[in-house]
Structure formats: structure tokens, C-alpha cells
Amino acid sequence: MVKHILAPIDGSATSEQAAFAAMELAQSLGARLTLFYAVPTADAYAYATLPAFMNKAAIGEQSLAQIHQKISAAANTYLTELVTLLRQVQGPYGSPELALESVESDEPHRAILDAAQRLDCDLIVMASHGRRGVGALLLGSETQKVLTHSTLPVLIWRPQVESKS
């Protein structure tokens, strides 16, 4: 029986949609839901891969510490707003217990797996981009790493792709 679901998010619209799907699943199962985000550390790599909810133009010429501070603050604001939106979703089963967890890590897949173990989760629900053709054969790199290394069940949520008729 699933009692606790971990839903990793990365700031993309696809991961947000997966979080809403995880919320619906948690509601129907009477499970707790924890949203999870791995905040990049303050190094040049973190700046090069700013999360989707950050505006690179707003960063400008700042120190890595200042950049990291802005990323962390933006992540907290983003996550709080997402939790607020999720709490407004009231399904037929009521709202499940909803928590928020973030850690600093440049290896999101490792942080996801560690959080799932630490929080005693039974299931990981995460997004994969809805690619077509050869791209459809490949999952996102973090999703693939979680699938490869997880000892827990992992449910991959894909956005609905409209077929061309």
C-alpha cells in the first residue's frame, strides 16, 4: 500500500503537471505527498543551468554566492506558490497531507533517491518530457538515473501528446 509519495519537480511546466497528477493520486490513495526540489549549489555550473523559473537577465554580473542566494530565494517562492496551488485542488477524496522538501545538490537524481529513503516514501512520481520519434525512446537524464538506481517503484508521468490526424 502506498502511504507516502515523493514528487520531484524541476520548475518546468511538465514537472508541475506531474505534481498535480501526483496530488490526484495521493488523494485517491489517502497517501501523503511531498514535493521535492534539488537546489543547485553556487558554482558556475549552477548558473549555466538556472531553473526554468529564474530570469537569467535578472542575475547580471553578480558573485556566485549572490547568484546562489537568488536561486534559493526564487526556489522557495516558487515552491511555496506551487504548494498553495496544490492545496486549492480539492478532489473527491479531500486533500492529502502535503509537505515540501528541498536540499542543495548538483546531483538531483541522488538527492531524489536520498530524500525518498530519508522520508520513508513508497513511490516516486516524476515527469518525463513527451517526446516523439527517436526522442521518445529516451527519458530525461535525471529520470533515467532515478529509474536505474531506485529500489522504490517509480511512476513516470508524461504529458498528453495530441496526435496529428
N, C-alpha and C. Protein backbone atom coordinates (compact mmCIF):
# COMPACT_ATOMS: atom_id res chain seq x y z
N MET A 1 0.84 -1.18 0.00
CA MET A 1 0.00 0.00 0.00
C MET A 1 0.88 1.24 0.00
N VAL A 2 0.51 2.22 -0.82
CA VAL A 2 1.26 3.46 -0.92
C VAL A 2 0.75 4.44 0.13
N LYS A 3 1.67 4.87 1.00
CA LYS A 3 1.30 5.81 2.07
C LYS A 3 1.97 7.16 1.93
N HIS A 4 3.09 7.20 1.17
CA HIS A 4 3.84 8.46 1.04
C HIS A 4 4.45 8.52 -0.35
N ILE A 5 4.10 9.57 -1.09
CA ILE A 5 4.58 9.77 -2.46
C ILE A 5 5.55 10.94 -2.49
N LEU A 6 6.67 10.76 -3.18
CA LEU A 6 7.63 11.84 -3.40
C LEU A 6 7.48 12.30 -4.85
N ALA A 7 7.28 13.60 -5.04
CA ALA A 7 7.13 14.17 -6.39
C ALA A 7 8.23 15.18 -6.63
N PRO A 8 9.33 14.76 -7.27
CA PRO A 8 10.40 15.71 -7.60
C PRO A 8 9.94 16.68 -8.68
N ILE A 9 10.28 17.94 -8.52
CA ILE A 9 9.95 18.95 -9.52
C ILE A 9 11.21 19.72 -9.88
N ASP A 10 11.23 20.25 -11.11
CA ASP A 10 12.41 20.98 -11.56
C ASP A 10 12.08 22.38 -12.05
N GLY A 11 10.84 22.80 -11.86
CA GLY A 11 10.45 24.14 -12.27
C GLY A 11 9.83 24.18 -13.65
N SER A 12 9.86 23.08 -14.38
CA SER A 12 9.27 23.06 -15.72
C SER A 12 7.77 22.86 -15.63
N ALA A 13 7.06 23.25 -16.69
CA ALA A 13 5.61 23.05 -16.74
C ALA A 13 5.28 21.56 -16.67
N THR A 14 6.11 20.73 -17.28
CA THR A 14 5.87 19.28 -17.26
C THR A 14 5.95 18.73 -15.85
N SER A 15 6.94 19.17 -15.07
CA SER A 15 7.05 18.66 -13.70
C SER A 15 5.92 19.20 -12.83
N GLU A 16 5.44 20.41 -13.12
CA GLU A 16 4.29 20.94 -12.39
C GLU A 16 3.05 20.09 -12.66
N GLN A 17 2.85 19.74 -13.93
CA GLN A 17 1.71 18.89 -14.29
C GLN A 17 1.82 17.53 -13.60
N ALA A 18 3.03 17.01 -13.52
CA ALA A 18 3.24 15.73 -12.82
C ALA A 18 2.93 15.88 -11.34
N ALA A 19 3.24 17.04 -10.76
CA ALA A 19 2.93 17.28 -9.35
C ALA A 19 1.42 17.26 -9.12
N PHE A 20 0.66 17.84 -10.05
CA PHE A 20 -0.80 17.81 -9.93
C PHE A 20 -1.32 16.38 -10.08
N ALA A 21 -0.71 15.60 -10.98
CA ALA A 21 -1.11 14.20 -11.14
C ALA A 21 -0.77 13.42 -9.87
N ALA A 22 0.39 13.70 -9.27
CA ALA A 22 0.77 13.04 -8.02
C ALA A 22 -0.19 13.42 -6.90
N MET A 23 -0.66 14.67 -6.91
CA MET A 23 -1.63 15.12 -5.92
C MET A 23 -2.93 14.33 -6.05
N GLU A 24 -3.41 14.17 -7.28
CA GLU A 24 -4.63 13.40 -7.51
C GLU A 24 -4.45 11.95 -7.06
N LEU A 25 -3.29 11.38 -7.36
CA LEU A 25 -3.02 10.01 -6.95
C LEU A 25 -2.99 9.90 -5.43
N ALA A 26 -2.32 10.85 -4.78
CA ALA A 26 -2.25 10.85 -3.31
C ALA A 26 -3.65 10.98 -2.72
N GLN A 27 -4.48 11.83 -3.32
CA GLN A 27 -5.86 11.98 -2.83
C GLN A 27 -6.61 10.66 -2.92
N SER A 28 -6.50 9.99 -4.06
CA SER A 28 -7.26 8.76 -4.26
C SER A 28 -6.77 7.62 -3.38
N LEU A 29 -5.48 7.64 -3.02
CA LEU A 29 -4.90 6.58 -2.19
C LEU A 29 -4.90 6.92 -0.70
N GLY A 30 -5.22 8.15 -0.37
CA GLY A 30 -5.14 8.58 1.02
C GLY A 30 -3.70 8.64 1.49
N ALA A 31 -2.80 8.95 0.57
CA ALA A 31 -1.36 8.99 0.88
C ALA A 31 -0.90 10.42 1.12
N ARG A 32 0.22 10.56 1.79
CA ARG A 32 0.87 11.86 1.95
C ARG A 32 1.63 12.16 0.66
N LEU A 33 1.85 13.44 0.38
CA LEU A 33 2.61 13.86 -0.79
C LEU A 33 3.68 14.85 -0.37
N THR A 34 4.90 14.60 -0.80
CA THR A 34 5.98 15.54 -0.56
C THR A 34 6.53 16.00 -1.90
N LEU A 35 6.49 17.31 -2.13
CA LEU A 35 7.13 17.89 -3.31
C LEU A 35 8.60 18.06 -2.98
N PHE A 36 9.46 17.79 -3.96
CA PHE A 36 10.89 17.83 -3.71
C PHE A 36 11.60 18.60 -4.81
N TYR A 37 12.55 19.44 -4.39
CA TYR A 37 13.38 20.18 -5.35
C TYR A 37 14.83 20.18 -4.89
N ALA A 38 15.74 19.88 -5.82
CA ALA A 38 17.17 19.92 -5.53
C ALA A 38 17.71 21.27 -6.00
N VAL A 39 18.05 22.13 -5.06
CA VAL A 39 18.57 23.47 -5.36
C VAL A 39 20.03 23.33 -5.80
N PRO A 40 20.37 23.85 -6.99
CA PRO A 40 21.77 23.76 -7.43
C PRO A 40 22.70 24.51 -6.47
N THR A 41 23.92 24.02 -6.33
CA THR A 41 24.90 24.71 -5.49
C THR A 41 25.44 25.94 -6.20
N ALA A 42 26.15 26.76 -5.46
CA ALA A 42 26.68 28.01 -6.00
C ALA A 42 27.99 27.77 -6.72
N ASP A 43 27.92 27.34 -7.95
CA ASP A 43 29.11 27.23 -8.78
C ASP A 43 28.74 27.62 -10.21
N ALA A 44 29.70 27.68 -11.06
CA ALA A 44 29.45 28.13 -12.44
C ALA A 44 28.45 27.22 -13.14
N TYR A 45 28.48 25.94 -12.84
CA TYR A 45 27.55 25.00 -13.47
C TYR A 45 26.12 25.37 -13.09
N ALA A 46 25.90 25.74 -11.84
CA ALA A 46 24.56 26.10 -11.39
C ALA A 46 24.04 27.30 -12.16
N TYR A 47 24.89 28.27 -12.44
CA TYR A 47 24.45 29.44 -13.20
C TYR A 47 24.09 29.06 -14.63
N ALA A 48 24.88 28.18 -15.21
CA ALA A 48 24.63 27.77 -16.59
C ALA A 48 23.33 26.99 -16.72
N THR A 49 22.87 26.38 -15.64
CA THR A 49 21.65 25.57 -15.69
C THR A 49 20.61 26.12 -14.72
N LEU A 50 20.36 27.40 -14.81
CA LEU A 50 19.35 28.01 -13.93
C LEU A 50 18.01 27.33 -14.13
N PRO A 51 17.24 27.17 -13.06
CA PRO A 51 15.91 26.58 -13.19
C PRO A 51 15.02 27.43 -14.08
N ALA A 52 13.99 26.82 -14.64
CA ALA A 52 13.10 27.49 -15.58
C ALA A 52 12.41 28.72 -14.97
N PHE A 53 12.21 28.72 -13.65
CA PHE A 53 11.50 29.84 -13.03
C PHE A 53 12.41 31.03 -12.75
N MET A 54 13.70 30.94 -13.09
CA MET A 54 14.63 32.06 -12.88
C MET A 54 14.82 32.85 -14.17
N ASN A 55 15.02 34.16 -14.04
CA ASN A 55 15.28 35.03 -15.16
C ASN A 55 16.78 35.32 -15.20
N LYS A 56 17.47 34.78 -16.22
CA LYS A 56 18.92 34.97 -16.31
C LYS A 56 19.29 36.45 -16.42
N ALA A 57 18.46 37.24 -17.06
CA ALA A 57 18.76 38.67 -17.20
C ALA A 57 18.79 39.36 -15.85
N ALA A 58 18.02 38.87 -14.90
CA ALA A 58 17.97 39.48 -13.57
C ALA A 58 19.23 39.17 -12.76
N ILE A 59 19.96 38.17 -13.18
CA ILE A 59 21.17 37.77 -12.45
C ILE A 59 22.30 38.76 -12.71
N GLY A 60 22.58 39.03 -13.98
CA GLY A 60 23.61 40.00 -14.33
C GLY A 60 25.00 39.60 -13.84
N GLU A 61 25.80 40.59 -13.53
CA GLU A 61 27.18 40.39 -13.08
C GLU A 61 27.22 40.32 -11.56
N GLN A 62 26.95 39.18 -11.01
CA GLN A 62 26.94 39.02 -9.57
C GLN A 62 27.87 37.88 -9.17
N SER A 63 28.23 37.87 -7.91
CA SER A 63 29.08 36.79 -7.41
C SER A 63 28.30 35.49 -7.37
N LEU A 64 28.99 34.38 -7.35
CA LEU A 64 28.34 33.08 -7.28
C LEU A 64 27.49 32.95 -6.02
N ALA A 65 27.96 33.52 -4.91
CA ALA A 65 27.19 33.47 -3.67
C ALA A 65 25.87 34.23 -3.83
N GLN A 66 25.93 35.39 -4.49
CA GLN A 66 24.71 36.17 -4.72
C GLN A 66 23.76 35.42 -5.66
N ILE A 67 24.32 34.79 -6.67
CA ILE A 67 23.51 34.01 -7.60
C ILE A 67 22.82 32.87 -6.85
N HIS A 68 23.59 32.18 -6.04
CA HIS A 68 23.02 31.06 -5.28
C HIS A 68 21.91 31.55 -4.35
N GLN A 69 22.13 32.68 -3.73
CA GLN A 69 21.12 33.26 -2.83
C GLN A 69 19.83 33.56 -3.60
N LYS A 70 19.98 34.11 -4.82
CA LYS A 70 18.81 34.41 -5.64
C LYS A 70 18.11 33.12 -6.08
N ILE A 71 18.87 32.12 -6.46
CA ILE A 71 18.27 30.84 -6.86
C ILE A 71 17.50 30.24 -5.70
N SER A 72 18.11 30.23 -4.52
CA SER A 72 17.45 29.66 -3.34
C SER A 72 16.17 30.42 -2.99
N ALA A 73 16.23 31.75 -3.04
CA ALA A 73 15.05 32.56 -2.72
C ALA A 73 13.95 32.33 -3.75
N ALA A 74 14.33 32.30 -5.04
CA ALA A 74 13.34 32.07 -6.10
C ALA A 74 12.73 30.67 -5.98
N ALA A 75 13.57 29.69 -5.63
CA ALA A 75 13.08 28.32 -5.46
C ALA A 75 12.07 28.25 -4.31
N ASN A 76 12.38 28.89 -3.20
CA ASN A 76 11.45 28.89 -2.06
C ASN A 76 10.13 29.55 -2.42
N THR A 77 10.19 30.67 -3.12
CA THR A 77 8.97 31.37 -3.54
C THR A 77 8.17 30.49 -4.49
N TYR A 78 8.85 29.92 -5.48
CA TYR A 78 8.20 29.06 -6.47
C TYR A 78 7.52 27.86 -5.80
N LEU A 79 8.24 27.19 -4.91
CA LEU A 79 7.71 26.01 -4.24
C LEU A 79 6.53 26.36 -3.35
N THR A 80 6.62 27.46 -2.64
CA THR A 80 5.52 27.89 -1.78
C THR A 80 4.28 28.18 -2.60
N GLU A 81 4.46 28.85 -3.74
CA GLU A 81 3.33 29.14 -4.62
C GLU A 81 2.73 27.85 -5.19
N LEU A 82 3.58 26.89 -5.56
CA LEU A 82 3.08 25.63 -6.10
C LEU A 82 2.30 24.86 -5.03
N VAL A 83 2.81 24.85 -3.81
CA VAL A 83 2.09 24.18 -2.72
C VAL A 83 0.73 24.84 -2.50
N THR A 84 0.69 26.17 -2.56
CA THR A 84 -0.58 26.89 -2.40
C THR A 84 -1.57 26.46 -3.48
N LEU A 85 -1.10 26.38 -4.73
CA LEU A 85 -1.96 25.94 -5.82
C LEU A 85 -2.45 24.51 -5.61
N LEU A 86 -1.55 23.65 -5.20
CA LEU A 86 -1.93 22.25 -4.97
C LEU A 86 -2.94 22.12 -3.84
N ARG A 87 -2.79 22.93 -2.81
CA ARG A 87 -3.73 22.87 -1.68
C ARG A 87 -5.12 23.33 -2.08
N GLN A 88 -5.22 24.11 -3.15
CA GLN A 88 -6.52 24.56 -3.63
C GLN A 88 -7.26 23.47 -4.40
N VAL A 89 -6.52 22.45 -4.84
CA VAL A 89 -7.14 21.36 -5.59
C VAL A 89 -7.84 20.44 -4.59
N GLN A 90 -9.13 20.39 -4.69
CA GLN A 90 -9.90 19.57 -3.76
C GLN A 90 -10.60 18.48 -4.56
N GLY A 91 -10.07 17.28 -4.48
CA GLY A 91 -10.66 16.16 -5.19
C GLY A 91 -11.76 15.52 -4.36
N PRO A 92 -12.36 14.47 -4.90
CA PRO A 92 -13.46 13.81 -4.18
C PRO A 92 -13.01 13.14 -2.88
N TYR A 93 -11.70 12.95 -2.73
CA TYR A 93 -11.18 12.27 -1.53
C TYR A 93 -10.62 13.24 -0.51
N GLY A 94 -10.74 14.54 -0.77
CA GLY A 94 -10.18 15.53 0.14
C GLY A 94 -8.72 15.79 -0.16
N SER A 95 -8.11 16.65 0.59
CA SER A 95 -6.71 17.00 0.37
C SER A 95 -5.80 16.13 1.22
N PRO A 96 -4.76 15.56 0.60
CA PRO A 96 -3.82 14.78 1.39
C PRO A 96 -2.87 15.68 2.16
N GLU A 97 -2.17 15.10 3.09
CA GLU A 97 -1.11 15.83 3.80
C GLU A 97 -0.06 16.18 2.76
N LEU A 98 0.32 17.44 2.70
CA LEU A 98 1.24 17.93 1.69
C LEU A 98 2.44 18.58 2.36
N ALA A 99 3.63 18.16 1.95
CA ALA A 99 4.86 18.70 2.53
C ALA A 99 5.78 19.16 1.41
N LEU A 100 6.77 19.91 1.80
CA LEU A 100 7.74 20.47 0.87
C LEU A 100 9.13 20.18 1.39
N GLU A 101 9.99 19.72 0.50
CA GLU A 101 11.36 19.37 0.89
C GLU A 101 12.29 19.87 -0.20
N SER A 102 13.37 20.54 0.18
CA SER A 102 14.39 20.90 -0.79
C SER A 102 15.76 20.74 -0.13
N VAL A 103 16.71 20.37 -0.95
CA VAL A 103 18.09 20.22 -0.48
C VAL A 103 19.01 20.84 -1.53
N GLU A 104 20.21 21.13 -1.14
CA GLU A 104 21.20 21.66 -2.06
C GLU A 104 21.97 20.49 -2.66
N SER A 105 21.96 20.41 -3.98
CA SER A 105 22.64 19.29 -4.64
C SER A 105 22.83 19.58 -6.13
N ASP A 106 23.96 19.17 -6.66
CA ASP A 106 24.19 19.24 -8.10
C ASP A 106 23.93 17.89 -8.75
N GLU A 107 23.47 16.92 -7.97
CA GLU A 107 23.10 15.61 -8.49
C GLU A 107 21.65 15.34 -8.11
N PRO A 108 20.71 15.91 -8.86
CA PRO A 108 19.30 15.78 -8.49
C PRO A 108 18.83 14.34 -8.32
N HIS A 109 19.29 13.44 -9.16
CA HIS A 109 18.83 12.05 -9.04
C HIS A 109 19.24 11.46 -7.69
N ARG A 110 20.46 11.75 -7.25
CA ARG A 110 20.93 11.24 -5.97
C ARG A 110 20.14 11.88 -4.83
N ALA A 111 19.88 13.18 -4.94
CA ALA A 111 19.11 13.88 -3.91
C ALA A 111 17.68 13.34 -3.83
N ILE A 112 17.09 13.02 -4.99
CA ILE A 112 15.74 12.45 -5.03
C ILE A 112 15.72 11.10 -4.32
N LEU A 113 16.66 10.25 -4.65
CA LEU A 113 16.71 8.92 -4.05
C LEU A 113 16.98 9.00 -2.55
N ASP A 114 17.88 9.88 -2.14
CA ASP A 114 18.17 10.05 -0.72
C ASP A 114 16.94 10.56 0.04
N ALA A 115 16.22 11.53 -0.57
CA ALA A 115 15.03 12.08 0.08
C ALA A 115 13.95 11.01 0.20
N ALA A 116 13.76 10.22 -0.83
CA ALA A 116 12.74 9.16 -0.80
C ALA A 116 13.03 8.18 0.34
N GLN A 117 14.29 7.84 0.52
CA GLN A 117 14.67 6.92 1.60
C GLN A 117 14.52 7.59 2.96
N ARG A 118 15.04 8.80 3.09
CA ARG A 118 15.01 9.53 4.36
C ARG A 118 13.58 9.80 4.83
N LEU A 119 12.69 10.08 3.87
CA LEU A 119 11.31 10.43 4.20
C LEU A 119 10.39 9.20 4.24
N ASP A 120 10.96 8.03 4.01
CA ASP A 120 10.21 6.77 4.05
C ASP A 120 9.06 6.77 3.04
N CYS A 121 9.38 7.14 1.80
CA CYS A 121 8.38 7.16 0.73
C CYS A 121 8.20 5.76 0.15
N ASP A 122 7.01 5.53 -0.39
CA ASP A 122 6.69 4.24 -1.01
C ASP A 122 6.71 4.31 -2.52
N LEU A 123 6.64 5.53 -3.07
CA LEU A 123 6.52 5.71 -4.51
C LEU A 123 7.12 7.06 -4.89
N ILE A 124 7.78 7.09 -6.04
CA ILE A 124 8.28 8.34 -6.61
C ILE A 124 7.47 8.58 -7.88
N VAL A 125 6.88 9.77 -7.99
CA VAL A 125 6.15 10.15 -9.20
C VAL A 125 6.89 11.32 -9.81
N MET A 126 7.41 11.12 -11.02
CA MET A 126 8.16 12.21 -11.65
C MET A 126 7.85 12.30 -13.13
N ALA A 127 8.14 13.45 -13.69
CA ALA A 127 7.81 13.75 -15.07
C ALA A 127 8.88 13.27 -16.03
N SER A 128 8.44 13.04 -17.23
CA SER A 128 9.33 12.84 -18.36
C SER A 128 8.71 13.63 -19.50
N HIS A 129 9.53 14.25 -20.30
CA HIS A 129 9.01 15.07 -21.39
C HIS A 129 8.41 14.18 -22.46
N GLY A 130 7.32 14.61 -23.05
CA GLY A 130 6.62 13.82 -24.06
C GLY A 130 7.25 13.99 -25.43
N ARG A 131 8.29 13.24 -25.68
CA ARG A 131 8.97 13.34 -26.97
C ARG A 131 8.39 12.34 -27.95
N ARG A 132 8.63 12.59 -29.21
CA ARG A 132 8.15 11.71 -30.27
C ARG A 132 9.32 11.13 -31.03
N GLY A 133 9.06 10.12 -31.83
CA GLY A 133 10.08 9.53 -32.69
C GLY A 133 11.20 8.93 -31.87
N VAL A 134 12.42 9.11 -32.36
CA VAL A 134 13.59 8.56 -31.67
C VAL A 134 13.72 9.16 -30.28
N GLY A 135 13.37 10.44 -30.12
CA GLY A 135 13.44 11.10 -28.82
C GLY A 135 12.54 10.45 -27.80
N ALA A 136 11.46 9.80 -28.25
CA ALA A 136 10.53 9.15 -27.33
C ALA A 136 11.16 7.94 -26.67
N LEU A 137 12.22 7.41 -27.26
CA LEU A 137 12.89 6.26 -26.68
C LEU A 137 13.71 6.63 -25.46
N LEU A 138 14.02 7.90 -25.33
CA LEU A 138 14.87 8.36 -24.25
C LEU A 138 14.08 9.13 -23.21
N LEU A 139 14.35 8.85 -21.95
CA LEU A 139 13.78 9.64 -20.87
C LEU A 139 14.76 10.74 -20.53
N GLY A 140 14.33 11.72 -19.76
CA GLY A 140 15.26 12.74 -19.30
C GLY A 140 16.38 12.08 -18.51
N SER A 141 17.54 12.69 -18.50
CA SER A 141 18.69 12.06 -17.86
C SER A 141 18.47 11.83 -16.37
N GLU A 142 17.86 12.78 -15.67
CA GLU A 142 17.62 12.59 -14.23
C GLU A 142 16.58 11.51 -14.00
N THR A 143 15.54 11.50 -14.83
CA THR A 143 14.51 10.47 -14.72
C THR A 143 15.13 9.09 -14.96
N GLN A 144 15.97 8.99 -15.97
CA GLN A 144 16.63 7.72 -16.28
C GLN A 144 17.50 7.27 -15.11
N LYS A 145 18.23 8.18 -14.51
CA LYS A 145 19.10 7.84 -13.38
C LYS A 145 18.29 7.38 -12.18
N VAL A 146 17.16 8.05 -11.92
CA VAL A 146 16.30 7.64 -10.80
C VAL A 146 15.77 6.23 -11.07
N LEU A 147 15.29 6.00 -12.29
CA LEU A 147 14.78 4.66 -12.64
C LEU A 147 15.85 3.59 -12.49
N THR A 148 17.04 3.90 -12.91
CA THR A 148 18.15 2.94 -12.87
C THR A 148 18.55 2.58 -11.45
N HIS A 149 18.53 3.56 -10.56
CA HIS A 149 19.08 3.35 -9.21
C HIS A 149 18.05 3.19 -8.10
N SER A 150 16.79 3.40 -8.40
CA SER A 150 15.78 3.35 -7.34
C SER A 150 15.43 1.92 -6.95
N THR A 151 15.26 1.73 -5.65
CA THR A 151 14.75 0.45 -5.15
C THR A 151 13.24 0.56 -4.91
N LEU A 152 12.70 1.77 -5.06
CA LEU A 152 11.27 2.01 -4.91
C LEU A 152 10.60 2.02 -6.28
N PRO A 153 9.30 1.78 -6.32
CA PRO A 153 8.59 1.95 -7.59
C PRO A 153 8.65 3.41 -8.02
N VAL A 154 8.79 3.62 -9.33
CA VAL A 154 8.83 4.97 -9.89
C VAL A 154 7.75 5.04 -10.97
N LEU A 155 6.84 5.98 -10.81
CA LEU A 155 5.79 6.20 -11.78
C LEU A 155 6.21 7.39 -12.63
N ILE A 156 6.32 7.16 -13.93
CA ILE A 156 6.73 8.23 -14.85
C ILE A 156 5.48 8.84 -15.46
N TRP A 157 5.32 10.14 -15.27
CA TRP A 157 4.18 10.86 -15.82
C TRP A 157 4.63 11.58 -17.08
N ARG A 158 3.88 11.39 -18.14
CA ARG A 158 4.18 12.07 -19.40
C ARG A 158 3.00 12.96 -19.77
N PRO A 159 3.28 14.13 -20.33
CA PRO A 159 2.17 14.98 -20.77
C PRO A 159 1.45 14.33 -21.93
N GLN A 160 0.18 14.62 -22.03
CA GLN A 160 -0.62 14.07 -23.13
C GLN A 160 -0.18 14.76 -24.41
N VAL A 161 0.12 13.96 -25.41
CA VAL A 161 0.56 14.49 -26.70
C VAL A 161 -0.59 14.31 -27.68
N GLU A 162 -0.97 15.42 -28.30
CA GLU A 162 -2.05 15.34 -29.27
C GLU A 162 -1.54 14.71 -30.55
N SER A 163 -2.29 13.77 -31.07
CA SER A 163 -1.89 13.11 -32.31
C SER A 163 -2.27 13.97 -33.50
N LYS A 164 -1.43 13.92 -34.52
CA LYS A 164 -1.70 14.67 -35.76
C LYS A 164 -2.48 13.77 -36.69
N SER A 165 -3.68 14.18 -37.04
CA SER A 165 -4.51 13.37 -37.93
C SER A 165 -4.50 13.89 -39.33
